[in-house]
Amino acid sequence: FNMDHEEVTDSIEVRTNVNPSPVWGFVGI
């Protein structure tokens, strides 16, 4: 994620965990 301004900038990295879709749970059931 980046924050942009003509005088200053900053950024961070976010670790994102992906869970399976709940649809597949319903299909399994």
PDB file of all heavy atoms in Angstrom:
ATOM      1  N   PHE A   1       0.858  -1.188   0.000  1.00  0.00           N
ATOM      2  CA  PHE A   1       0.000   0.000   0.000  1.00  0.00           C
ATOM      3  C   PHE A   1       0.898   1.242   0.000  1.00  0.00           C
ATOM      4  O   PHE A   1       1.857   1.333   0.788  1.00  0.00           O
ATOM      5  CB  PHE A   1      -0.922   0.009   1.228  1.00  0.00           C
ATOM      6  CG  PHE A   1      -1.951  -1.084   1.212  1.00  0.00           C
ATOM      7  CD1 PHE A   1      -1.700  -2.302   1.828  1.00  0.00           C
ATOM      8  CD2 PHE A   1      -3.171  -0.897   0.568  1.00  0.00           C
ATOM      9  CE1 PHE A   1      -2.652  -3.317   1.816  1.00  0.00           C
ATOM     10  CE2 PHE A   1      -4.123  -1.912   0.543  1.00  0.00           C
ATOM     11  CZ  PHE A   1      -3.863  -3.125   1.169  1.00  0.00           C
ATOM     12  N   ASN A   2       0.577   2.186  -0.878  1.00  0.00           N
ATOM     13  CA  ASN A   2       1.385   3.400  -1.044  1.00  0.00           C
ATOM     14  C   ASN A   2       0.558   4.645  -0.749  1.00  0.00           C
ATOM     15  O   ASN A   2      -0.598   4.749  -1.188  1.00  0.00           O
ATOM     16  CB  ASN A   2       1.924   3.497  -2.468  1.00  0.00           C
ATOM     17  CG  ASN A   2       2.714   2.267  -2.869  1.00  0.00           C
ATOM     18  OD1 ASN A   2       3.768   2.002  -2.319  1.00  0.00           O
ATOM     19  ND2 ASN A   2       2.185   1.514  -3.826  1.00  0.00           N
ATOM     20  N   MET A   3       1.153   5.573   0.004  1.00  0.00           N
ATOM     21  CA  MET A   3       0.562   6.892   0.229  1.00  0.00           C
ATOM     22  C   MET A   3       1.385   7.902  -0.573  1.00  0.00           C
ATOM     23  O   MET A   3       2.613   7.973  -0.413  1.00  0.00           O
ATOM     24  CB  MET A   3       0.611   7.258   1.722  1.00  0.00           C
ATOM     25  CG  MET A   3       0.075   8.657   2.032  1.00  0.00           C
ATOM     26  SD  MET A   3       0.642   9.236   3.647  1.00  0.00           S
ATOM     27  CE  MET A   3       2.395   9.383   3.366  1.00  0.00           C
ATOM     28  N   ASP A   4       0.752   8.679  -1.431  1.00  0.00           N
ATOM     29  CA  ASP A   4       1.458   9.595  -2.336  1.00  0.00           C
ATOM     30  C   ASP A   4       0.991  11.032  -2.130  1.00  0.00           C
ATOM     31  O   ASP A   4      -0.213  11.311  -2.077  1.00  0.00           O
ATOM     32  CB  ASP A   4       1.215   9.181  -3.794  1.00  0.00           C
ATOM     33  CG  ASP A   4       1.774   7.794  -4.099  1.00  0.00           C
ATOM     34  OD1 ASP A   4       2.970   7.588  -3.843  1.00  0.00           O
ATOM     35  OD2 ASP A   4       1.004   6.936  -4.571  1.00  0.00           O
ATOM     36  N   HIS A   5       2.001  11.934  -2.016  1.00  0.00           N
ATOM     37  CA  HIS A   5       1.781  13.379  -1.936  1.00  0.00           C
ATOM     38  C   HIS A   5       2.971  14.042  -2.600  1.00  0.00           C
ATOM     39  O   HIS A   5       4.072  13.466  -2.667  1.00  0.00           O
ATOM     40  CB  HIS A   5       1.650  13.822  -0.471  1.00  0.00           C
ATOM     41  CG  HIS A   5       1.355  15.282  -0.301  1.00  0.00           C
ATOM     42  ND1 HIS A   5       2.345  16.222  -0.132  1.00  0.00           N
ATOM     43  CD2 HIS A   5       0.180  15.963  -0.282  1.00  0.00           C
ATOM     44  CE1 HIS A   5       1.794  17.416  -0.013  1.00  0.00           C
ATOM     45  NE2 HIS A   5       0.483  17.284  -0.097  1.00  0.00           N
ATOM     46  N   GLU A   6       2.800  15.243  -3.115  1.00  0.00           N
ATOM     47  CA  GLU A   6       3.880  15.914  -3.840  1.00  0.00           C
ATOM     48  C   GLU A   6       5.092  16.198  -2.951  1.00  0.00           C
ATOM     49  O   GLU A   6       6.208  16.377  -3.448  1.00  0.00           O
ATOM     50  CB  GLU A   6       3.383  17.222  -4.456  1.00  0.00           C
ATOM     51  CG  GLU A   6       2.873  18.235  -3.461  1.00  0.00           C
ATOM     52  CD  GLU A   6       2.356  19.494  -4.118  1.00  0.00           C
ATOM     53  OE1 GLU A   6       2.375  19.557  -5.360  1.00  0.00           O
ATOM     54  OE2 GLU A   6       1.942  20.395  -3.383  1.00  0.00           O
ATOM     55  N   GLU A   7       4.910  16.227  -1.627  1.00  0.00           N
ATOM     56  CA  GLU A   7       6.007  16.532  -0.721  1.00  0.00           C
ATOM     57  C   GLU A   7       6.487  15.330   0.090  1.00  0.00           C
ATOM     58  O   GLU A   7       7.599  15.340   0.600  1.00  0.00           O
ATOM     59  CB  GLU A   7       5.604  17.651   0.243  1.00  0.00           C
ATOM     60  CG  GLU A   7       5.292  18.980  -0.411  1.00  0.00           C
ATOM     61  CD  GLU A   7       6.517  19.650  -0.982  1.00  0.00           C
ATOM     62  OE1 GLU A   7       7.640  19.212  -0.640  1.00  0.00           O
ATOM     63  OE2 GLU A   7       6.365  20.594  -1.777  1.00  0.00           O
ATOM     64  N   VAL A   8       5.656  14.311   0.223  1.00  0.00           N
ATOM     65  CA  VAL A   8       6.023  13.197   1.088  1.00  0.00           C
ATOM     66  C   VAL A   8       5.326  11.928   0.611  1.00  0.00           C
ATOM     67  O   VAL A   8       4.218  11.988   0.063  1.00  0.00           O
ATOM     68  CB  VAL A   8       5.645  13.509   2.556  1.00  0.00           C
ATOM     69  CG1 VAL A   8       4.150  13.686   2.715  1.00  0.00           C
ATOM     70  CG2 VAL A   8       6.161  12.423   3.490  1.00  0.00           C
ATOM     71  N   THR A   9       5.986  10.774   0.790  1.00  0.00           N
ATOM     72  CA  THR A   9       5.404   9.471   0.452  1.00  0.00           C
ATOM     73  C   THR A   9       5.719   8.481   1.565  1.00  0.00           C
ATOM     74  O   THR A   9       6.669   8.676   2.340  1.00  0.00           O
ATOM     75  CB  THR A   9       5.955   8.935  -0.879  1.00  0.00           C
ATOM     76  OG1 THR A   9       7.373   8.778  -0.771  1.00  0.00           O
ATOM     77  CG2 THR A   9       5.621   9.857  -2.030  1.00  0.00           C
ATOM     78  N   ASP A  10       4.922   7.409   1.630  1.00  0.00           N
ATOM     79  CA  ASP A  10       5.176   6.339   2.578  1.00  0.00           C
ATOM     80  C   ASP A  10       4.499   5.084   2.049  1.00  0.00           C
ATOM     81  O   ASP A  10       3.581   5.158   1.212  1.00  0.00           O
ATOM     82  CB  ASP A  10       4.645   6.696   3.971  1.00  0.00           C
ATOM     83  CG  ASP A  10       5.205   5.767   5.039  1.00  0.00           C
ATOM     84  OD1 ASP A  10       6.227   5.109   4.770  1.00  0.00           O
ATOM     85  OD2 ASP A  10       4.628   5.702   6.148  1.00  0.00           O
ATOM     86  N   SER A  11       4.946   3.910   2.502  1.00  0.00           N
ATOM     87  CA  SER A  11       4.355   2.655   2.051  1.00  0.00           C
ATOM     88  C   SER A  11       4.490   1.593   3.126  1.00  0.00           C
ATOM     89  O   SER A  11       5.377   1.690   4.002  1.00  0.00           O
ATOM     90  CB  SER A  11       5.019   2.184   0.751  1.00  0.00           C
ATOM     91  OG  SER A  11       6.387   1.885   0.975  1.00  0.00           O
ATOM     92  N   ILE A  12       3.605   0.599   3.073  1.00  0.00           N
ATOM     93  CA  ILE A  12       3.651  -0.547   3.984  1.00  0.00           C
ATOM     94  C   ILE A  12       3.340  -1.809   3.193  1.00  0.00           C
ATOM     95  O   ILE A  12       2.693  -1.755   2.144  1.00  0.00           O
ATOM     96  CB  ILE A  12       2.660  -0.407   5.156  1.00  0.00           C
ATOM     97  CG1 ILE A  12       1.224  -0.230   4.640  1.00  0.00           C
ATOM     98  CG2 ILE A  12       3.047   0.731   6.075  1.00  0.00           C
ATOM     99  CD1 ILE A  12       0.178  -0.235   5.740  1.00  0.00           C
ATOM    100  N   GLU A  13       3.807  -2.945   3.681  1.00  0.00           N
ATOM    101  CA  GLU A  13       3.495  -4.235   3.081  1.00  0.00           C
ATOM    102  C   GLU A  13       2.620  -5.019   4.047  1.00  0.00           C
ATOM    103  O   GLU A  13       2.957  -5.164   5.231  1.00  0.00           O
ATOM    104  CB  GLU A  13       4.773  -5.016   2.767  1.00  0.00           C
ATOM    105  CG  GLU A  13       5.580  -4.427   1.629  1.00  0.00           C
ATOM    106  CD  GLU A  13       6.783  -5.301   1.276  1.00  0.00           C
ATOM    107  OE1 GLU A  13       7.132  -6.185   2.098  1.00  0.00           O
ATOM    108  OE2 GLU A  13       7.366  -5.110   0.197  1.00  0.00           O
ATOM    109  N   VAL A  14       1.503  -5.520   3.551  1.00  0.00           N
ATOM    110  CA  VAL A  14       0.551  -6.276   4.375  1.00  0.00           C
ATOM    111  C   VAL A  14       0.518  -7.719   3.875  1.00  0.00           C
ATOM    112  O   VAL A  14       0.267  -7.974   2.686  1.00  0.00           O
ATOM    113  CB  VAL A  14      -0.851  -5.645   4.320  1.00  0.00           C
ATOM    114  CG1 VAL A  14      -1.850  -6.500   5.106  1.00  0.00           C
ATOM    115  CG2 VAL A  14      -0.818  -4.212   4.863  1.00  0.00           C
ATOM    116  N   ARG A  15       0.790  -8.643   4.794  1.00  0.00           N
ATOM    117  CA  ARG A  15       0.705 -10.069   4.454  1.00  0.00           C
ATOM    118  C   ARG A  15      -0.759 -10.497   4.498  1.00  0.00           C
ATOM    119  O   ARG A  15      -1.404 -10.401   5.540  1.00  0.00           O
ATOM    120  CB  ARG A  15       1.542 -10.893   5.420  1.00  0.00           C
ATOM    121  CG  ARG A  15       1.579 -12.385   5.098  1.00  0.00           C
ATOM    122  CD  ARG A  15       2.467 -13.128   6.081  1.00  0.00           C
ATOM    123  NE  ARG A  15       3.841 -12.684   5.959  1.00  0.00           N
ATOM    124  CZ  ARG A  15       4.721 -13.148   5.080  1.00  0.00           C
ATOM    125  NH1 ARG A  15       4.340 -14.086   4.214  1.00  0.00           N
ATOM    126  NH2 ARG A  15       5.945 -12.695   5.046  1.00  0.00           N
ATOM    127  N   THR A  16      -1.253 -10.969   3.401  1.00  0.00           N
ATOM    128  CA  THR A  16      -2.673 -11.303   3.267  1.00  0.00           C
ATOM    129  C   THR A  16      -2.850 -12.817   3.159  1.00  0.00           C
ATOM    130  O   THR A  16      -2.287 -13.451   2.246  1.00  0.00           O
ATOM    131  CB  THR A  16      -3.267 -10.622   2.031  1.00  0.00           C
ATOM    132  OG1 THR A  16      -2.989  -9.220   2.087  1.00  0.00           O
ATOM    133  CG2 THR A  16      -4.776 -10.825   1.980  1.00  0.00           C
ATOM    134  N   ASN A  17      -3.632 -13.394   4.082  1.00  0.00           N
ATOM    135  CA  ASN A  17      -3.894 -14.837   4.079  1.00  0.00           C
ATOM    136  C   ASN A  17      -5.206 -15.120   3.371  1.00  0.00           C
ATOM    137  O   ASN A  17      -6.244 -14.548   3.696  1.00  0.00           O
ATOM    138  CB  ASN A  17      -3.949 -15.349   5.515  1.00  0.00           C
ATOM    139  CG  ASN A  17      -4.218 -16.834   5.582  1.00  0.00           C
ATOM    140  OD1 ASN A  17      -5.353 -17.247   5.829  1.00  0.00           O
ATOM    141  ND2 ASN A  17      -3.185 -17.643   5.358  1.00  0.00           N
ATOM    142  N   VAL A  18      -5.153 -16.002   2.359  1.00  0.00           N
ATOM    143  CA  VAL A  18      -6.332 -16.333   1.572  1.00  0.00           C
ATOM    144  C   VAL A  18      -6.970 -17.609   2.115  1.00  0.00           C
ATOM    145  O   VAL A  18      -6.291 -18.654   2.245  1.00  0.00           O
ATOM    146  CB  VAL A  18      -5.969 -16.512   0.092  1.00  0.00           C
ATOM    147  CG1 VAL A  18      -7.195 -16.974  -0.708  1.00  0.00           C
ATOM    148  CG2 VAL A  18      -5.433 -15.209  -0.473  1.00  0.00           C
ATOM    149  N   ASN A  19      -8.272 -17.532   2.443  1.00  0.00           N
ATOM    150  CA  ASN A  19      -9.053 -18.697   2.857  1.00  0.00           C
ATOM    151  C   ASN A  19      -9.852 -19.221   1.666  1.00  0.00           C
ATOM    152  O   ASN A  19     -10.269 -18.451   0.798  1.00  0.00           O
ATOM    153  CB  ASN A  19     -10.018 -18.336   3.987  1.00  0.00           C
ATOM    154  CG  ASN A  19      -9.272 -17.876   5.233  1.00  0.00           C
ATOM    155  OD1 ASN A  19      -8.269 -18.479   5.604  1.00  0.00           O
ATOM    156  ND2 ASN A  19      -9.753 -16.790   5.847  1.00  0.00           N
ATOM    157  N   PRO A  20     -10.105 -20.558   1.587  1.00  0.00           N
ATOM    158  CA  PRO A  20     -10.908 -21.076   0.472  1.00  0.00           C
ATOM    159  C   PRO A  20     -12.297 -20.462   0.484  1.00  0.00           C
ATOM    160  O   PRO A  20     -12.821 -20.062   1.520  1.00  0.00           O
ATOM    161  CB  PRO A  20     -10.965 -22.581   0.757  1.00  0.00           C
ATOM    162  CG  PRO A  20      -9.809 -22.849   1.662  1.00  0.00           C
ATOM    163  CD  PRO A  20      -9.618 -21.605   2.476  1.00  0.00           C
ATOM    164  N   SER A  21     -12.948 -20.442  -0.670  1.00  0.00           N
ATOM    165  CA  SER A  21     -14.286 -19.870  -0.772  1.00  0.00           C
ATOM    166  C   SER A  21     -15.283 -20.687   0.028  1.00  0.00           C
ATOM    167  O   SER A  21     -15.250 -21.931  -0.002  1.00  0.00           O
ATOM    168  CB  SER A  21     -14.721 -19.818  -2.236  1.00  0.00           C
ATOM    169  OG  SER A  21     -16.065 -19.432  -2.336  1.00  0.00           O
ATOM    170  N   PRO A  22     -16.218 -20.117   0.760  1.00  0.00           N
ATOM    171  CA  PRO A  22     -17.231 -20.870   1.516  1.00  0.00           C
ATOM    172  C   PRO A  22     -18.152 -21.670   0.608  1.00  0.00           C
ATOM    173  O   PRO A  22     -18.798 -22.610   1.044  1.00  0.00           O
ATOM    174  CB  PRO A  22     -17.982 -19.761   2.259  1.00  0.00           C
ATOM    175  CG  PRO A  22     -17.714 -18.520   1.498  1.00  0.00           C
ATOM    176  CD  PRO A  22     -16.339 -18.682   0.938  1.00  0.00           C
ATOM    177  N   VAL A  23     -18.204 -21.335  -0.672  1.00  0.00           N
ATOM    178  CA  VAL A  23     -19.045 -22.095  -1.605  1.00  0.00           C
ATOM    179  C   VAL A  23     -18.597 -23.553  -1.660  1.00  0.00           C
ATOM    180  O   VAL A  23     -19.396 -24.492  -1.696  1.00  0.00           O
ATOM    181  CB  VAL A  23     -19.022 -21.447  -2.995  1.00  0.00           C
ATOM    182  CG1 VAL A  23     -19.754 -22.336  -4.011  1.00  0.00           C
ATOM    183  CG2 VAL A  23     -19.613 -20.057  -2.938  1.00  0.00           C
ATOM    184  N   TRP A  24     -17.273 -23.725  -1.676  1.00  0.00           N
ATOM    185  CA  TRP A  24     -16.752 -25.087  -1.734  1.00  0.00           C
ATOM    186  C   TRP A  24     -17.083 -25.848  -0.468  1.00  0.00           C
ATOM    187  O   TRP A  24     -17.283 -27.070  -0.494  1.00  0.00           O
ATOM    188  CB  TRP A  24     -15.243 -25.065  -1.958  1.00  0.00           C
ATOM    189  CG  TRP A  24     -14.887 -24.530  -3.309  1.00  0.00           C
ATOM    190  CD1 TRP A  24     -14.321 -23.336  -3.592  1.00  0.00           C
ATOM    191  CD2 TRP A  24     -15.110 -25.176  -4.544  1.00  0.00           C
ATOM    192  NE1 TRP A  24     -14.163 -23.166  -4.930  1.00  0.00           N
ATOM    193  CE2 TRP A  24     -14.641 -24.303  -5.568  1.00  0.00           C
ATOM    194  CE3 TRP A  24     -15.667 -26.409  -4.924  1.00  0.00           C
ATOM    195  CZ2 TRP A  24     -14.717 -24.633  -6.912  1.00  0.00           C
ATOM    196  CZ3 TRP A  24     -15.720 -26.725  -6.265  1.00  0.00           C
ATOM    197  CH2 TRP A  24     -15.246 -25.839  -7.255  1.00  0.00           C
ATOM    198  N   GLY A  25     -17.230 -25.203   0.622  1.00  0.00           N
ATOM    199  CA  GLY A  25     -17.660 -25.873   1.851  1.00  0.00           C
ATOM    200  C   GLY A  25     -19.083 -26.373   1.730  1.00  0.00           C
ATOM    201  O   GLY A  25     -19.395 -27.511   2.115  1.00  0.00           O
ATOM    202  N   PHE A  26     -19.915 -25.476   1.159  1.00  0.00           N
ATOM    203  CA  PHE A  26     -21.303 -25.908   0.959  1.00  0.00           C
ATOM    204  C   PHE A  26     -21.385 -27.053  -0.034  1.00  0.00           C
ATOM    205  O   PHE A  26     -22.173 -27.992   0.100  1.00  0.00           O
ATOM    206  CB  PHE A  26     -22.164 -24.731   0.484  1.00  0.00           C
ATOM    207  CG  PHE A  26     -22.270 -23.631   1.513  1.00  0.00           C
ATOM    208  CD1 PHE A  26     -22.175 -22.302   1.142  1.00  0.00           C
ATOM    209  CD2 PHE A  26     -22.481 -23.943   2.854  1.00  0.00           C
ATOM    210  CE1 PHE A  26     -22.295 -21.302   2.075  1.00  0.00           C
ATOM    211  CE2 PHE A  26     -22.596 -22.943   3.791  1.00  0.00           C
ATOM    212  CZ  PHE A  26     -22.491 -21.609   3.415  1.00  0.00           C
ATOM    213  N   VAL A  27     -20.558 -26.987  -1.075  1.00  0.00           N
ATOM    214  CA  VAL A  27     -20.555 -28.079  -2.067  1.00  0.00           C
ATOM    215  C   VAL A  27     -20.140 -29.386  -1.414  1.00  0.00           C
ATOM    216  O   VAL A  27     -20.714 -30.470  -1.663  1.00  0.00           O
ATOM    217  CB  VAL A  27     -19.623 -27.717  -3.233  1.00  0.00           C
ATOM    218  CG1 VAL A  27     -19.425 -28.938  -4.150  1.00  0.00           C
ATOM    219  CG2 VAL A  27     -20.177 -26.551  -4.022  1.00  0.00           C
ATOM    220  N   GLY A  28     -19.123 -29.326  -0.551  1.00  0.00           N
ATOM    221  CA  GLY A  28     -18.672 -30.535   0.130  1.00  0.00           C
ATOM    222  C   GLY A  28     -19.757 -31.121   1.013  1.00  0.00           C
ATOM    223  O   GLY A  28     -19.961 -32.346   1.055  1.00  0.00           O
ATOM    224  N   ILE A  29     -20.446 -30.242   1.737  1.00  0.00           N
ATOM    225  CA  ILE A  29     -21.535 -30.708   2.602  1.00  0.00           C
ATOM    226  C   ILE A  29     -22.620 -31.365   1.777  1.00  0.00           C
ATOM    227  O   ILE A  29     -23.178 -32.424   2.121  1.00  0.00           O
ATOM    228  CB  ILE A  29     -22.092 -29.542   3.431  1.00  0.00           C
ATOM    229  CG1 ILE A  29     -21.027 -29.047   4.422  1.00  0.00           C
ATOM    230  CG2 ILE A  29     -23.351 -29.954   4.170  1.00  0.00           C
ATOM    231  CD1 ILE A  29     -21.409 -27.785   5.161  1.00  0.00           C
TER     232      ILE A  29
END
